[in-house]
Amino acid sequence: PPKKKSTPAWVWIAAVIGGLLVLGLIGSA
C-alpha cells in the first residue's frame, strides 16, 4: 500500500487552539 503522509505539527497545534477557542466561546455563552 502507498505510504501515508504524516500531518504537520502546525496543523495539530492550530486544531487544538481552535478547539480551545470554541470551548471558551461556548462556556462564555
PDB file of all heavy atoms in Angstrom:
ATOM      1  N   PRO A   1       0.833  -1.204   0.000  1.00  0.00           N
ATOM      2  CA  PRO A   1       0.000   0.000   0.000  1.00  0.00           C
ATOM      3  C   PRO A   1       0.870   1.258   0.000  1.00  0.00           C
ATOM      4  O   PRO A   1       1.985   1.249   0.506  1.00  0.00           O
ATOM      5  CB  PRO A   1      -0.803  -0.112   1.277  1.00  0.00           C
ATOM      6  CG  PRO A   1      -0.102  -1.102   2.122  1.00  0.00           C
ATOM      7  CD  PRO A   1       0.737  -1.957   1.214  1.00  0.00           C
ATOM      8  N   PRO A   2       0.325   2.369  -0.582  1.00  0.00           N
ATOM      9  CA  PRO A   2       1.109   3.617  -0.602  1.00  0.00           C
ATOM     10  C   PRO A   2       1.321   4.144   0.822  1.00  0.00           C
ATOM     11  O   PRO A   2       0.490   3.968   1.701  1.00  0.00           O
ATOM     12  CB  PRO A   2       0.261   4.576  -1.426  1.00  0.00           C
ATOM     13  CG  PRO A   2      -1.095   3.991  -1.466  1.00  0.00           C
ATOM     14  CD  PRO A   2      -0.955   2.502  -1.213  1.00  0.00           C
ATOM     15  N   LYS A   3       2.469   4.764   1.019  1.00  0.00           N
ATOM     16  CA  LYS A   3       2.837   5.289   2.322  1.00  0.00           C
ATOM     17  C   LYS A   3       1.969   6.527   2.637  1.00  0.00           C
ATOM     18  O   LYS A   3       1.810   7.408   1.800  1.00  0.00           O
ATOM     19  CB  LYS A   3       4.314   5.673   2.318  1.00  0.00           C
ATOM     20  CG  LYS A   3       4.847   6.031   3.671  1.00  0.00           C
ATOM     21  CD  LYS A   3       6.338   6.288   3.602  1.00  0.00           C
ATOM     22  CE  LYS A   3       6.862   6.640   4.950  1.00  0.00           C
ATOM     23  NZ  LYS A   3       8.277   6.955   4.904  1.00  0.00           N
ATOM     24  N   LYS A   4       1.390   6.553   3.876  1.00  0.00           N
ATOM     25  CA  LYS A   4       0.568   7.691   4.282  1.00  0.00           C
ATOM     26  C   LYS A   4       1.465   8.875   4.625  1.00  0.00           C
ATOM     27  O   LYS A   4       2.509   8.714   5.241  1.00  0.00           O
ATOM     28  CB  LYS A   4      -0.267   7.339   5.502  1.00  0.00           C
ATOM     29  CG  LYS A   4      -1.391   6.402   5.236  1.00  0.00           C
ATOM     30  CD  LYS A   4      -2.226   6.262   6.496  1.00  0.00           C
ATOM     31  CE  LYS A   4      -3.418   5.394   6.262  1.00  0.00           C
ATOM     32  NZ  LYS A   4      -4.239   5.287   7.452  1.00  0.00           N
ATOM     33  N   LYS A   5       0.985  10.065   4.246  1.00  0.00           N
ATOM     34  CA  LYS A   5       1.705  11.291   4.609  1.00  0.00           C
ATOM     35  C   LYS A   5       1.336  11.653   6.036  1.00  0.00           C
ATOM     36  O   LYS A   5       0.182  11.579   6.440  1.00  0.00           O
ATOM     37  CB  LYS A   5       1.332  12.451   3.687  1.00  0.00           C
ATOM     38  CG  LYS A   5       1.826  12.290   2.280  1.00  0.00           C
ATOM     39  CD  LYS A   5       1.472  13.532   1.488  1.00  0.00           C
ATOM     40  CE  LYS A   5       1.962  13.426   0.066  1.00  0.00           C
ATOM     41  NZ  LYS A   5       1.615  14.594  -0.721  1.00  0.00           N
ATOM     42  N   SER A   6       2.316  12.058   6.826  1.00  0.00           N
ATOM     43  CA  SER A   6       2.022  12.469   8.199  1.00  0.00           C
ATOM     44  C   SER A   6       1.544  13.918   8.215  1.00  0.00           C
ATOM     45  O   SER A   6       1.948  14.731   7.393  1.00  0.00           O
ATOM     46  CB  SER A   6       3.259  12.298   9.084  1.00  0.00           C
ATOM     47  OG  SER A   6       4.275  13.167   8.661  1.00  0.00           O
ATOM     48  N   THR A   7       0.663  14.216   9.153  1.00  0.00           N
ATOM     49  CA  THR A   7       0.129  15.567   9.284  1.00  0.00           C
ATOM     50  C   THR A   7       1.172  16.441   9.971  1.00  0.00           C
ATOM     51  O   THR A   7       1.712  16.064  11.018  1.00  0.00           O
ATOM     52  CB  THR A   7      -1.161  15.548  10.120  1.00  0.00           C
ATOM     53  OG1 THR A   7      -2.073  14.610   9.529  1.00  0.00           O
ATOM     54  CG2 THR A   7      -1.808  16.913  10.171  1.00  0.00           C
ATOM     55  N   PRO A   8       1.452  17.632   9.401  1.00  0.00           N
ATOM     56  CA  PRO A   8       2.446  18.513  10.015  1.00  0.00           C
ATOM     57  C   PRO A   8       2.009  18.944  11.414  1.00  0.00           C
ATOM     58  O   PRO A   8       0.824  19.039  11.733  1.00  0.00           O
ATOM     59  CB  PRO A   8       2.508  19.726   9.079  1.00  0.00           C
ATOM     60  CG  PRO A   8       1.850  19.309   7.817  1.00  0.00           C
ATOM     61  CD  PRO A   8       0.930  18.180   8.157  1.00  0.00           C
ATOM     62  N   ALA A   9       2.972  19.224  12.268  1.00  0.00           N
ATOM     63  CA  ALA A   9       2.715  19.602  13.658  1.00  0.00           C
ATOM     64  C   ALA A   9       1.899  20.885  13.750  1.00  0.00           C
ATOM     65  O   ALA A   9       1.055  21.028  14.639  1.00  0.00           O
ATOM     66  CB  ALA A   9       4.029  19.747  14.412  1.00  0.00           C
ATOM     67  N   TRP A  10       2.125  21.835  12.837  1.00  0.00           N
ATOM     68  CA  TRP A  10       1.413  23.106  12.924  1.00  0.00           C
ATOM     69  C   TRP A  10      -0.089  22.912  12.737  1.00  0.00           C
ATOM     70  O   TRP A  10      -0.893  23.651  13.298  1.00  0.00           O
ATOM     71  CB  TRP A  10       1.965  24.129  11.926  1.00  0.00           C
ATOM     72  CG  TRP A  10       1.707  23.792  10.476  1.00  0.00           C
ATOM     73  CD1 TRP A  10       2.516  23.099   9.639  1.00  0.00           C
ATOM     74  CD2 TRP A  10       0.550  24.139   9.717  1.00  0.00           C
ATOM     75  NE1 TRP A  10       1.935  22.977   8.411  1.00  0.00           N
ATOM     76  CE2 TRP A  10       0.718  23.624   8.429  1.00  0.00           C
ATOM     77  CE3 TRP A  10      -0.621  24.841  10.009  1.00  0.00           C
ATOM     78  CZ2 TRP A  10      -0.219  23.768   7.418  1.00  0.00           C
ATOM     79  CZ3 TRP A  10      -1.558  25.000   9.008  1.00  0.00           C
ATOM     80  CH2 TRP A  10      -1.357  24.462   7.728  1.00  0.00           C
ATOM     81  N   VAL A  11      -0.496  21.894  11.982  1.00  0.00           N
ATOM     82  CA  VAL A  11      -1.920  21.628  11.787  1.00  0.00           C
ATOM     83  C   VAL A  11      -2.538  21.178  13.114  1.00  0.00           C
ATOM     84  O   VAL A  11      -3.624  21.611  13.487  1.00  0.00           O
ATOM     85  CB  VAL A  11      -2.120  20.575  10.678  1.00  0.00           C
ATOM     86  CG1 VAL A  11      -3.582  20.146  10.595  1.00  0.00           C
ATOM     87  CG2 VAL A  11      -1.645  21.113   9.343  1.00  0.00           C
ATOM     88  N   TRP A  12      -1.837  20.312  13.836  1.00  0.00           N
ATOM     89  CA  TRP A  12      -2.329  19.833  15.117  1.00  0.00           C
ATOM     90  C   TRP A  12      -2.408  20.973  16.130  1.00  0.00           C
ATOM     91  O   TRP A  12      -3.383  21.078  16.884  1.00  0.00           O
ATOM     92  CB  TRP A  12      -1.446  18.702  15.658  1.00  0.00           C
ATOM     93  CG  TRP A  12      -1.604  17.432  14.871  1.00  0.00           C
ATOM     94  CD1 TRP A  12      -0.720  16.885  14.002  1.00  0.00           C
ATOM     95  CD2 TRP A  12      -2.749  16.586  14.856  1.00  0.00           C
ATOM     96  NE1 TRP A  12      -1.227  15.746  13.448  1.00  0.00           N
ATOM     97  CE2 TRP A  12      -2.487  15.528  13.966  1.00  0.00           C
ATOM     98  CE3 TRP A  12      -3.976  16.603  15.519  1.00  0.00           C
ATOM     99  CZ2 TRP A  12      -3.386  14.516  13.716  1.00  0.00           C
ATOM    100  CZ3 TRP A  12      -4.873  15.584  15.269  1.00  0.00           C
ATOM    101  CH2 TRP A  12      -4.583  14.551  14.379  1.00  0.00           C
ATOM    102  N   ILE A  13      -1.402  21.824  16.149  1.00  0.00           N
ATOM    103  CA  ILE A  13      -1.398  22.955  17.079  1.00  0.00           C
ATOM    104  C   ILE A  13      -2.556  23.894  16.783  1.00  0.00           C
ATOM    105  O   ILE A  13      -3.271  24.333  17.679  1.00  0.00           O
ATOM    106  CB  ILE A  13      -0.038  23.694  17.024  1.00  0.00           C
ATOM    107  CG1 ILE A  13       1.063  22.779  17.580  1.00  0.00           C
ATOM    108  CG2 ILE A  13      -0.096  25.005  17.803  1.00  0.00           C
ATOM    109  CD1 ILE A  13       2.462  23.298  17.358  1.00  0.00           C
ATOM    110  N   ALA A  14      -2.770  24.190  15.490  1.00  0.00           N
ATOM    111  CA  ALA A  14      -3.868  25.073  15.093  1.00  0.00           C
ATOM    112  C   ALA A  14      -5.212  24.457  15.469  1.00  0.00           C
ATOM    113  O   ALA A  14      -6.130  25.154  15.913  1.00  0.00           O
ATOM    114  CB  ALA A  14      -3.804  25.360  13.604  1.00  0.00           C
ATOM    115  N   ALA A  15      -5.346  23.140  15.317  1.00  0.00           N
ATOM    116  CA  ALA A  15      -6.602  22.464  15.650  1.00  0.00           C
ATOM    117  C   ALA A  15      -6.868  22.534  17.150  1.00  0.00           C
ATOM    118  O   ALA A  15      -8.005  22.764  17.584  1.00  0.00           O
ATOM    119  CB  ALA A  15      -6.554  21.013  15.176  1.00  0.00           C
ATOM    120  N   VAL A  16      -5.841  22.335  17.968  1.00  0.00           N
ATOM    121  CA  VAL A  16      -6.009  22.395  19.416  1.00  0.00           C
ATOM    122  C   VAL A  16      -6.393  23.805  19.842  1.00  0.00           C
ATOM    123  O   VAL A  16      -7.323  24.005  20.646  1.00  0.00           O
ATOM    124  CB  VAL A  16      -4.719  21.926  20.135  1.00  0.00           C
ATOM    125  CG1 VAL A  16      -4.778  22.246  21.614  1.00  0.00           C
ATOM    126  CG2 VAL A  16      -4.512  20.432  19.910  1.00  0.00           C
ATOM    127  N   ILE A  17      -5.711  24.808  19.315  1.00  0.00           N
ATOM    128  CA  ILE A  17      -6.025  26.200  19.657  1.00  0.00           C
ATOM    129  C   ILE A  17      -7.447  26.540  19.228  1.00  0.00           C
ATOM    130  O   ILE A  17      -8.211  27.146  19.977  1.00  0.00           O
ATOM    131  CB  ILE A  17      -4.995  27.168  19.040  1.00  0.00           C
ATOM    132  CG1 ILE A  17      -3.642  26.979  19.729  1.00  0.00           C
ATOM    133  CG2 ILE A  17      -5.469  28.612  19.154  1.00  0.00           C
ATOM    134  CD1 ILE A  17      -2.509  27.745  19.087  1.00  0.00           C
ATOM    135  N   GLY A  18      -7.825  26.135  18.018  1.00  0.00           N
ATOM    136  CA  GLY A  18      -9.186  26.377  17.536  1.00  0.00           C
ATOM    137  C   GLY A  18     -10.225  25.709  18.421  1.00  0.00           C
ATOM    138  O   GLY A  18     -11.258  26.292  18.746  1.00  0.00           O
ATOM    139  N   GLY A  19      -9.938  24.475  18.840  1.00  0.00           N
ATOM    140  CA  GLY A  19     -10.863  23.759  19.718  1.00  0.00           C
ATOM    141  C   GLY A  19     -11.019  24.459  21.054  1.00  0.00           C
ATOM    142  O   GLY A  19     -12.125  24.568  21.597  1.00  0.00           O
ATOM    143  N   LEU A  20      -9.906  24.954  21.620  1.00  0.00           N
ATOM    144  CA  LEU A  20      -9.970  25.675  22.890  1.00  0.00           C
ATOM    145  C   LEU A  20     -10.771  26.970  22.757  1.00  0.00           C
ATOM    146  O   LEU A  20     -11.528  27.335  23.659  1.00  0.00           O
ATOM    147  CB  LEU A  20      -8.564  25.954  23.409  1.00  0.00           C
ATOM    148  CG  LEU A  20      -7.778  24.721  23.885  1.00  0.00           C
ATOM    149  CD1 LEU A  20      -6.344  25.110  24.213  1.00  0.00           C
ATOM    150  CD2 LEU A  20      -8.461  24.084  25.075  1.00  0.00           C
ATOM    151  N   LEU A  21     -10.589  27.649  21.638  1.00  0.00           N
ATOM    152  CA  LEU A  21     -11.360  28.876  21.413  1.00  0.00           C
ATOM    153  C   LEU A  21     -12.854  28.586  21.339  1.00  0.00           C
ATOM    154  O   LEU A  21     -13.676  29.301  21.910  1.00  0.00           O
ATOM    155  CB  LEU A  21     -10.894  29.580  20.138  1.00  0.00           C
ATOM    156  CG  LEU A  21      -9.556  30.303  20.228  1.00  0.00           C
ATOM    157  CD1 LEU A  21      -9.130  30.802  18.855  1.00  0.00           C
ATOM    158  CD2 LEU A  21      -9.652  31.458  21.191  1.00  0.00           C
ATOM    159  N   VAL A  22     -13.209  27.525  20.639  1.00  0.00           N
ATOM    160  CA  VAL A  22     -14.620  27.153  20.522  1.00  0.00           C
ATOM    161  C   VAL A  22     -15.178  26.801  21.900  1.00  0.00           C
ATOM    162  O   VAL A  22     -16.276  27.231  22.269  1.00  0.00           O
ATOM    163  CB  VAL A  22     -14.797  25.986  19.527  1.00  0.00           C
ATOM    164  CG1 VAL A  22     -16.198  25.403  19.604  1.00  0.00           C
ATOM    165  CG2 VAL A  22     -14.498  26.457  18.113  1.00  0.00           C
ATOM    166  N   LEU A  23     -14.435  26.025  22.691  1.00  0.00           N
ATOM    167  CA  LEU A  23     -14.894  25.682  24.034  1.00  0.00           C
ATOM    168  C   LEU A  23     -15.050  26.928  24.910  1.00  0.00           C
ATOM    169  O   LEU A  23     -15.993  27.040  25.682  1.00  0.00           O
ATOM    170  CB  LEU A  23     -13.926  24.703  24.692  1.00  0.00           C
ATOM    171  CG  LEU A  23     -13.960  23.268  24.144  1.00  0.00           C
ATOM    172  CD1 LEU A  23     -12.855  22.448  24.783  1.00  0.00           C
ATOM    173  CD2 LEU A  23     -15.317  22.644  24.372  1.00  0.00           C
ATOM    174  N   GLY A  24     -14.122  27.872  24.784  1.00  0.00           N
ATOM    175  CA  GLY A  24     -14.222  29.112  25.542  1.00  0.00           C
ATOM    176  C   GLY A  24     -15.448  29.919  25.160  1.00  0.00           C
ATOM    177  O   GLY A  24     -16.144  30.472  26.018  1.00  0.00           O
ATOM    178  N   LEU A  25     -15.739  29.987  23.861  1.00  0.00           N
ATOM    179  CA  LEU A  25     -16.924  30.720  23.402  1.00  0.00           C
ATOM    180  C   LEU A  25     -18.200  30.047  23.895  1.00  0.00           C
ATOM    181  O   LEU A  25     -19.144  30.717  24.304  1.00  0.00           O
ATOM    182  CB  LEU A  25     -16.923  30.821  21.878  1.00  0.00           C
ATOM    183  CG  LEU A  25     -15.867  31.742  21.276  1.00  0.00           C
ATOM    184  CD1 LEU A  25     -15.839  31.606  19.766  1.00  0.00           C
ATOM    185  CD2 LEU A  25     -16.136  33.180  21.678  1.00  0.00           C
ATOM    186  N   ILE A  26     -18.231  28.736  23.854  1.00  0.00           N
ATOM    187  CA  ILE A  26     -19.410  28.018  24.336  1.00  0.00           C
ATOM    188  C   ILE A  26     -19.584  28.244  25.836  1.00  0.00           C
ATOM    189  O   ILE A  26     -20.685  28.512  26.311  1.00  0.00           O
ATOM    190  CB  ILE A  26     -19.299  26.513  24.012  1.00  0.00           C
ATOM    191  CG1 ILE A  26     -19.407  26.301  22.497  1.00  0.00           C
ATOM    192  CG2 ILE A  26     -20.378  25.715  24.739  1.00  0.00           C
ATOM    193  CD1 ILE A  26     -19.097  24.891  22.044  1.00  0.00           C
ATOM    194  N   GLY A  27     -18.486  28.156  26.597  1.00  0.00           N
ATOM    195  CA  GLY A  27     -18.562  28.385  28.038  1.00  0.00           C
ATOM    196  C   GLY A  27     -19.030  29.786  28.365  1.00  0.00           C
ATOM    197  O   GLY A  27     -19.837  29.999  29.268  1.00  0.00           O
ATOM    198  N   SER A  28     -18.563  30.758  27.611  1.00  0.00           N
ATOM    199  CA  SER A  28     -18.975  32.135  27.835  1.00  0.00           C
ATOM    200  C   SER A  28     -20.452  32.326  27.509  1.00  0.00           C
ATOM    201  O   SER A  28     -21.175  33.007  28.219  1.00  0.00           O
ATOM    202  CB  SER A  28     -18.116  33.076  26.990  1.00  0.00           C
ATOM    203  OG  SER A  28     -18.525  34.401  27.169  1.00  0.00           O
ATOM    204  N   ALA A  29     -20.910  31.683  26.440  1.00  0.00           N
ATOM    205  CA  ALA A  29     -22.304  31.803  26.033  1.00  0.00           C
ATOM    206  C   ALA A  29     -23.236  31.123  27.032  1.00  0.00           C
ATOM    207  O   ALA A  29     -24.389  31.515  27.177  1.00  0.00           O
ATOM    208  CB  ALA A  29     -22.500  31.200  24.648  1.00  0.00           C
TER     209      ALA A  29
END
